[in-house]
Amino acid sequence: MTDIAYNSVAWFEIGTEQVADTRRFYGELFDWTFNLDEDGTLKYHEVTAPGADRPSGGILQSDGHFPDYAIFYVVVRDVAETVGRAESLGGKVIVPPTTNDAGLTFAQLQDSAGHHFGVFSPPAA
């Protein structure tokens, strides 16, 4: 990522068993295009909006492992520190800080009113 605007919404994710229907719906509604990024365990369809130079979200194929969802992610400097601050403010951890093979670190939380959201930090340059 270049010119990171920390503490801003920078990604969204939709988790679903019905990937084809979800792609069709959003593709026709917003003219989004999709690129399958398959790492062997997850099937992740990156979403690019018309005129964008890079993806801004994704559709995760859940294969029935969890309920359908749609959340936003905020880019932060330090995921673990943000998770700790969220907990001190009454938030709850749904998915603890996790780093993928590419070096991206993320977590999923609930705010103090129970709303689901995520945070992430891009891989180190």
N, C-alpha and C. Protein backbone atom coordinates (compact mmCIF):
# COMPACT_ATOMS: atom_id res chain seq x y z
N MET A 1 0.84 -1.18 0.00
CA MET A 1 0.00 0.00 0.00
C MET A 1 0.89 1.24 0.00
N THR A 2 0.50 2.23 -0.71
CA THR A 2 1.21 3.50 -0.70
C THR A 2 0.31 4.54 -0.06
N ASP A 3 0.94 5.54 0.53
CA ASP A 3 0.17 6.63 1.15
C ASP A 3 -0.94 6.09 2.05
N ILE A 4 -0.55 5.34 3.06
CA ILE A 4 -1.52 4.72 3.96
C ILE A 4 -2.21 5.77 4.82
N ALA A 5 -3.52 5.76 4.81
CA ALA A 5 -4.30 6.65 5.67
C ALA A 5 -4.72 5.83 6.90
N TYR A 6 -3.81 5.75 7.88
CA TYR A 6 -4.10 4.95 9.07
C TYR A 6 -5.38 5.41 9.75
N ASN A 7 -6.05 4.45 10.37
CA ASN A 7 -7.31 4.64 11.10
C ASN A 7 -8.47 4.99 10.18
N SER A 8 -8.35 4.60 8.90
CA SER A 8 -9.46 4.78 7.96
C SER A 8 -9.93 3.40 7.47
N VAL A 9 -11.16 3.35 7.03
CA VAL A 9 -11.69 2.10 6.45
C VAL A 9 -10.97 1.88 5.14
N ALA A 10 -10.30 0.73 5.01
CA ALA A 10 -9.46 0.48 3.84
C ALA A 10 -9.79 -0.83 3.14
N TRP A 11 -10.72 -1.61 3.67
CA TRP A 11 -11.03 -2.92 3.08
C TRP A 11 -12.39 -3.35 3.58
N PHE A 12 -13.07 -4.15 2.80
CA PHE A 12 -14.29 -4.79 3.26
C PHE A 12 -14.22 -6.27 2.90
N GLU A 13 -15.03 -7.06 3.58
CA GLU A 13 -15.05 -8.49 3.31
C GLU A 13 -16.46 -9.02 3.47
N ILE A 14 -16.84 -9.88 2.55
CA ILE A 14 -18.12 -10.57 2.61
C ILE A 14 -17.81 -12.06 2.68
N GLY A 15 -18.30 -12.73 3.71
CA GLY A 15 -18.12 -14.17 3.83
C GLY A 15 -19.44 -14.85 3.49
N THR A 16 -19.38 -15.84 2.58
CA THR A 16 -20.61 -16.48 2.11
C THR A 16 -20.36 -17.88 1.57
N GLU A 17 -21.39 -18.70 1.65
CA GLU A 17 -21.38 -20.00 0.97
C GLU A 17 -21.80 -19.83 -0.49
N GLN A 18 -22.49 -18.75 -0.78
CA GLN A 18 -23.08 -18.53 -2.11
C GLN A 18 -22.24 -17.53 -2.91
N VAL A 19 -21.01 -17.91 -3.21
CA VAL A 19 -20.07 -17.01 -3.86
C VAL A 19 -20.56 -16.59 -5.25
N ALA A 20 -21.02 -17.53 -6.05
CA ALA A 20 -21.43 -17.20 -7.42
C ALA A 20 -22.58 -16.19 -7.41
N ASP A 21 -23.56 -16.41 -6.55
CA ASP A 21 -24.69 -15.48 -6.48
C ASP A 21 -24.25 -14.12 -5.94
N THR A 22 -23.37 -14.13 -4.94
CA THR A 22 -22.88 -12.87 -4.36
C THR A 22 -22.08 -12.09 -5.39
N ARG A 23 -21.20 -12.77 -6.13
CA ARG A 23 -20.45 -12.10 -7.20
C ARG A 23 -21.39 -11.53 -8.26
N ARG A 24 -22.37 -12.31 -8.65
CA ARG A 24 -23.31 -11.84 -9.67
C ARG A 24 -24.04 -10.60 -9.19
N PHE A 25 -24.56 -10.65 -7.96
CA PHE A 25 -25.33 -9.54 -7.41
C PHE A 25 -24.51 -8.24 -7.40
N TYR A 26 -23.35 -8.29 -6.72
CA TYR A 26 -22.54 -7.08 -6.60
C TYR A 26 -21.89 -6.68 -7.92
N GLY A 27 -21.55 -7.66 -8.73
CA GLY A 27 -20.98 -7.35 -10.05
C GLY A 27 -21.96 -6.58 -10.91
N GLU A 28 -23.21 -7.02 -10.91
CA GLU A 28 -24.23 -6.33 -11.71
C GLU A 28 -24.63 -5.00 -11.07
N LEU A 29 -24.71 -4.96 -9.74
CA LEU A 29 -25.14 -3.74 -9.06
C LEU A 29 -24.10 -2.63 -9.16
N PHE A 30 -22.82 -2.95 -8.92
CA PHE A 30 -21.78 -1.93 -8.85
C PHE A 30 -20.73 -2.04 -9.95
N ASP A 31 -20.87 -3.01 -10.84
CA ASP A 31 -19.91 -3.24 -11.92
C ASP A 31 -18.54 -3.64 -11.38
N TRP A 32 -18.53 -4.33 -10.24
CA TRP A 32 -17.29 -4.82 -9.66
C TRP A 32 -16.74 -5.97 -10.49
N THR A 33 -15.42 -6.11 -10.50
CA THR A 33 -14.78 -7.28 -11.11
C THR A 33 -14.09 -8.07 -10.00
N PHE A 34 -13.80 -9.33 -10.29
CA PHE A 34 -13.30 -10.25 -9.27
C PHE A 34 -12.09 -11.01 -9.78
N ASN A 35 -11.17 -11.28 -8.86
CA ASN A 35 -9.99 -12.08 -9.17
C ASN A 35 -9.82 -13.10 -8.05
N LEU A 36 -9.84 -14.38 -8.41
CA LEU A 36 -9.69 -15.44 -7.41
C LEU A 36 -8.25 -15.50 -6.94
N ASP A 37 -8.06 -15.36 -5.64
CA ASP A 37 -6.74 -15.48 -5.01
C ASP A 37 -6.82 -16.69 -4.10
N GLU A 38 -6.37 -17.82 -4.60
CA GLU A 38 -6.51 -19.08 -3.88
C GLU A 38 -5.15 -19.50 -3.32
N ASP A 39 -5.06 -19.59 -1.99
CA ASP A 39 -3.77 -19.93 -1.38
C ASP A 39 -3.69 -21.39 -0.95
N GLY A 40 -4.62 -22.21 -1.35
CA GLY A 40 -4.61 -23.61 -0.99
C GLY A 40 -5.61 -23.96 0.09
N THR A 41 -5.84 -23.04 1.06
CA THR A 41 -6.81 -23.32 2.11
C THR A 41 -8.03 -22.44 2.00
N LEU A 42 -7.85 -21.21 1.53
CA LEU A 42 -8.96 -20.27 1.41
C LEU A 42 -9.21 -19.92 -0.04
N LYS A 43 -10.48 -19.73 -0.37
CA LYS A 43 -10.84 -19.23 -1.69
C LYS A 43 -11.32 -17.80 -1.49
N TYR A 44 -10.50 -16.85 -1.93
CA TYR A 44 -10.75 -15.44 -1.69
C TYR A 44 -10.86 -14.73 -3.03
N HIS A 45 -11.98 -14.08 -3.26
CA HIS A 45 -12.22 -13.37 -4.51
C HIS A 45 -12.02 -11.88 -4.27
N GLU A 46 -10.88 -11.34 -4.70
CA GLU A 46 -10.61 -9.91 -4.51
C GLU A 46 -11.55 -9.10 -5.40
N VAL A 47 -12.03 -7.98 -4.87
CA VAL A 47 -13.00 -7.12 -5.54
C VAL A 47 -12.32 -5.83 -5.98
N THR A 48 -12.51 -5.47 -7.24
CA THR A 48 -12.01 -4.19 -7.75
C THR A 48 -13.18 -3.41 -8.32
N ALA A 49 -13.29 -2.16 -7.91
CA ALA A 49 -14.35 -1.28 -8.40
C ALA A 49 -13.92 -0.66 -9.73
N PRO A 50 -14.88 -0.25 -10.55
CA PRO A 50 -14.54 0.36 -11.83
C PRO A 50 -13.64 1.58 -11.63
N GLY A 51 -12.58 1.66 -12.40
CA GLY A 51 -11.66 2.79 -12.34
C GLY A 51 -10.61 2.70 -11.25
N ALA A 52 -10.72 1.72 -10.36
CA ALA A 52 -9.75 1.57 -9.27
C ALA A 52 -8.49 0.89 -9.79
N ASP A 53 -7.35 1.23 -9.19
CA ASP A 53 -6.10 0.62 -9.63
C ASP A 53 -5.72 -0.61 -8.81
N ARG A 54 -6.52 -0.92 -7.79
CA ARG A 54 -6.27 -2.12 -6.97
C ARG A 54 -7.55 -2.54 -6.26
N PRO A 55 -7.58 -3.78 -5.77
CA PRO A 55 -8.76 -4.24 -5.04
C PRO A 55 -9.00 -3.44 -3.77
N SER A 56 -10.26 -3.40 -3.34
CA SER A 56 -10.63 -2.70 -2.11
C SER A 56 -11.43 -3.58 -1.17
N GLY A 57 -11.59 -4.85 -1.53
CA GLY A 57 -12.34 -5.76 -0.69
C GLY A 57 -12.25 -7.17 -1.21
N GLY A 58 -13.01 -8.05 -0.57
CA GLY A 58 -12.99 -9.43 -1.00
C GLY A 58 -14.22 -10.20 -0.57
N ILE A 59 -14.44 -11.30 -1.28
CA ILE A 59 -15.50 -12.24 -0.93
C ILE A 59 -14.80 -13.55 -0.56
N LEU A 60 -15.03 -13.98 0.67
CA LEU A 60 -14.43 -15.21 1.17
C LEU A 60 -15.44 -16.34 1.07
N GLN A 61 -15.05 -17.42 0.43
CA GLN A 61 -15.92 -18.59 0.34
C GLN A 61 -15.86 -19.34 1.66
N SER A 62 -16.99 -19.36 2.38
CA SER A 62 -17.00 -19.91 3.74
C SER A 62 -17.10 -21.43 3.80
N ASP A 63 -17.60 -22.04 2.75
CA ASP A 63 -17.78 -23.50 2.73
C ASP A 63 -18.52 -24.02 3.95
N GLY A 64 -19.41 -23.19 4.51
CA GLY A 64 -20.24 -23.61 5.63
C GLY A 64 -19.54 -23.62 6.97
N HIS A 65 -18.32 -23.09 7.05
CA HIS A 65 -17.56 -23.12 8.31
C HIS A 65 -18.00 -22.05 9.30
N PHE A 66 -18.74 -21.02 8.83
CA PHE A 66 -19.21 -19.95 9.70
C PHE A 66 -20.39 -19.26 9.02
N PRO A 67 -21.18 -18.52 9.77
CA PRO A 67 -22.34 -17.82 9.20
C PRO A 67 -21.90 -16.74 8.21
N ASP A 68 -22.79 -16.40 7.29
CA ASP A 68 -22.52 -15.31 6.35
C ASP A 68 -22.32 -14.00 7.11
N TYR A 69 -21.49 -13.12 6.57
CA TYR A 69 -21.23 -11.84 7.20
C TYR A 69 -20.75 -10.83 6.17
N ALA A 70 -20.78 -9.57 6.54
CA ALA A 70 -20.16 -8.48 5.78
C ALA A 70 -19.58 -7.51 6.80
N ILE A 71 -18.29 -7.21 6.70
CA ILE A 71 -17.65 -6.31 7.66
C ILE A 71 -16.70 -5.36 6.93
N PHE A 72 -16.31 -4.31 7.64
CA PHE A 72 -15.28 -3.41 7.13
C PHE A 72 -14.03 -3.58 7.97
N TYR A 73 -12.88 -3.23 7.37
CA TYR A 73 -11.59 -3.28 8.06
C TYR A 73 -10.96 -1.90 8.07
N VAL A 74 -10.40 -1.53 9.22
CA VAL A 74 -9.69 -0.27 9.39
C VAL A 74 -8.19 -0.58 9.38
N VAL A 75 -7.42 0.16 8.59
CA VAL A 75 -5.97 -0.04 8.56
C VAL A 75 -5.36 0.70 9.76
N VAL A 76 -4.53 -0.01 10.51
CA VAL A 76 -3.91 0.54 11.72
C VAL A 76 -2.40 0.27 11.69
N ARG A 77 -1.66 0.99 12.50
CA ARG A 77 -0.21 0.80 12.56
C ARG A 77 0.16 -0.49 13.29
N ASP A 78 -0.59 -0.84 14.34
CA ASP A 78 -0.24 -1.98 15.18
C ASP A 78 -1.52 -2.70 15.60
N VAL A 79 -1.74 -3.88 15.04
CA VAL A 79 -2.97 -4.62 15.30
C VAL A 79 -3.08 -5.02 16.77
N ALA A 80 -2.02 -5.57 17.34
CA ALA A 80 -2.08 -6.03 18.74
C ALA A 80 -2.39 -4.87 19.68
N GLU A 81 -1.75 -3.72 19.45
CA GLU A 81 -1.98 -2.56 20.30
C GLU A 81 -3.43 -2.07 20.15
N THR A 82 -3.94 -2.07 18.92
CA THR A 82 -5.32 -1.64 18.68
C THR A 82 -6.30 -2.60 19.34
N VAL A 83 -6.03 -3.89 19.26
CA VAL A 83 -6.90 -4.88 19.91
C VAL A 83 -6.92 -4.64 21.42
N GLY A 84 -5.76 -4.39 22.01
CA GLY A 84 -5.70 -4.10 23.44
C GLY A 84 -6.50 -2.86 23.82
N ARG A 85 -6.38 -1.82 23.02
CA ARG A 85 -7.14 -0.59 23.28
C ARG A 85 -8.63 -0.85 23.14
N ALA A 86 -9.02 -1.62 22.11
CA ALA A 86 -10.44 -1.93 21.92
C ALA A 86 -10.99 -2.69 23.13
N GLU A 87 -10.23 -3.65 23.62
CA GLU A 87 -10.69 -4.40 24.80
C GLU A 87 -10.83 -3.48 26.01
N SER A 88 -9.91 -2.54 26.19
CA SER A 88 -9.99 -1.63 27.33
C SER A 88 -11.19 -0.69 27.23
N LEU A 89 -11.72 -0.53 26.02
CA LEU A 89 -12.90 0.31 25.81
C LEU A 89 -14.20 -0.50 25.80
N GLY A 90 -14.11 -1.79 26.12
CA GLY A 90 -15.30 -2.62 26.18
C GLY A 90 -15.53 -3.49 24.96
N GLY A 91 -14.58 -3.49 24.02
CA GLY A 91 -14.68 -4.35 22.83
C GLY A 91 -14.30 -5.78 23.15
N LYS A 92 -14.64 -6.68 22.24
CA LYS A 92 -14.32 -8.10 22.40
C LYS A 92 -13.62 -8.62 21.17
N VAL A 93 -12.70 -9.55 21.36
CA VAL A 93 -11.95 -10.15 20.26
C VAL A 93 -12.75 -11.33 19.70
N ILE A 94 -12.96 -11.32 18.40
CA ILE A 94 -13.60 -12.45 17.71
C ILE A 94 -12.53 -13.33 17.09
N VAL A 95 -11.60 -12.72 16.35
CA VAL A 95 -10.44 -13.41 15.78
C VAL A 95 -9.21 -12.66 16.30
N PRO A 96 -8.35 -13.32 17.06
CA PRO A 96 -7.19 -12.64 17.62
C PRO A 96 -6.21 -12.22 16.52
N PRO A 97 -5.25 -11.36 16.85
CA PRO A 97 -4.28 -10.95 15.84
C PRO A 97 -3.65 -12.16 15.16
N THR A 98 -3.68 -12.14 13.85
CA THR A 98 -3.22 -13.24 13.01
C THR A 98 -2.38 -12.65 11.88
N THR A 99 -1.27 -13.28 11.57
CA THR A 99 -0.43 -12.84 10.45
C THR A 99 -0.45 -13.93 9.40
N ASN A 100 -0.80 -13.54 8.15
CA ASN A 100 -0.83 -14.53 7.07
C ASN A 100 0.57 -14.70 6.46
N ASP A 101 0.69 -15.61 5.51
CA ASP A 101 1.98 -15.91 4.90
C ASP A 101 2.60 -14.71 4.19
N ALA A 102 1.77 -13.77 3.74
CA ALA A 102 2.27 -12.58 3.04
C ALA A 102 2.72 -11.49 4.01
N GLY A 103 2.50 -11.67 5.32
CA GLY A 103 2.92 -10.69 6.31
C GLY A 103 1.84 -9.72 6.73
N LEU A 104 0.63 -9.86 6.20
CA LEU A 104 -0.49 -9.00 6.60
C LEU A 104 -1.01 -9.49 7.95
N THR A 105 -1.18 -8.58 8.90
CA THR A 105 -1.69 -8.93 10.22
C THR A 105 -3.10 -8.35 10.36
N PHE A 106 -4.02 -9.16 10.88
CA PHE A 106 -5.41 -8.72 11.01
C PHE A 106 -6.03 -9.30 12.27
N ALA A 107 -7.16 -8.73 12.67
CA ALA A 107 -7.97 -9.24 13.77
C ALA A 107 -9.40 -8.83 13.50
N GLN A 108 -10.34 -9.55 14.09
CA GLN A 108 -11.75 -9.17 14.02
C GLN A 108 -12.24 -8.96 15.44
N LEU A 109 -13.05 -7.91 15.61
CA LEU A 109 -13.49 -7.48 16.93
C LEU A 109 -14.99 -7.20 16.93
N GLN A 110 -15.52 -7.02 18.14
CA GLN A 110 -16.84 -6.44 18.34
C GLN A 110 -16.62 -5.15 19.11
N ASP A 111 -17.34 -4.10 18.72
CA ASP A 111 -17.25 -2.87 19.49
C ASP A 111 -18.06 -3.03 20.77
N SER A 112 -18.12 -1.99 21.60
CA SER A 112 -18.80 -2.09 22.89
C SER A 112 -20.30 -2.29 22.76
N ALA A 113 -20.86 -2.06 21.57
CA ALA A 113 -22.29 -2.29 21.34
C ALA A 113 -22.54 -3.59 20.58
N GLY A 114 -21.47 -4.36 20.29
CA GLY A 114 -21.63 -5.67 19.65
C GLY A 114 -21.49 -5.68 18.14
N HIS A 115 -21.09 -4.56 17.51
CA HIS A 115 -20.93 -4.50 16.06
C HIS A 115 -19.60 -5.14 15.65
N HIS A 116 -19.64 -5.95 14.61
CA HIS A 116 -18.50 -6.70 14.11
C HIS A 116 -17.69 -5.81 13.16
N PHE A 117 -16.37 -5.75 13.35
CA PHE A 117 -15.49 -5.03 12.42
C PHE A 117 -14.10 -5.64 12.51
N GLY A 118 -13.21 -5.23 11.61
CA GLY A 118 -11.86 -5.76 11.62
C GLY A 118 -10.84 -4.65 11.56
N VAL A 119 -9.60 -5.01 11.89
CA VAL A 119 -8.46 -4.12 11.75
C VAL A 119 -7.34 -4.91 11.08
N PHE A 120 -6.46 -4.19 10.37
CA PHE A 120 -5.31 -4.86 9.75
C PHE A 120 -4.15 -3.90 9.61
N SER A 121 -2.96 -4.49 9.51
CA SER A 121 -1.74 -3.75 9.18
C SER A 121 -1.12 -4.43 7.98
N PRO A 122 -0.71 -3.65 6.98
CA PRO A 122 -0.10 -4.25 5.80
C PRO A 122 1.26 -4.85 6.14
N PRO A 123 1.76 -5.72 5.28
CA PRO A 123 3.10 -6.28 5.52
C PRO A 123 4.16 -5.19 5.57
N ALA A 124 5.21 -5.43 6.31
CA ALA A 124 6.32 -4.48 6.37
C ALA A 124 6.93 -4.36 4.99
N ALA A 125 7.37 -3.16 4.66
CA ALA A 125 7.95 -2.91 3.32
C ALA A 125 9.29 -3.60 3.17
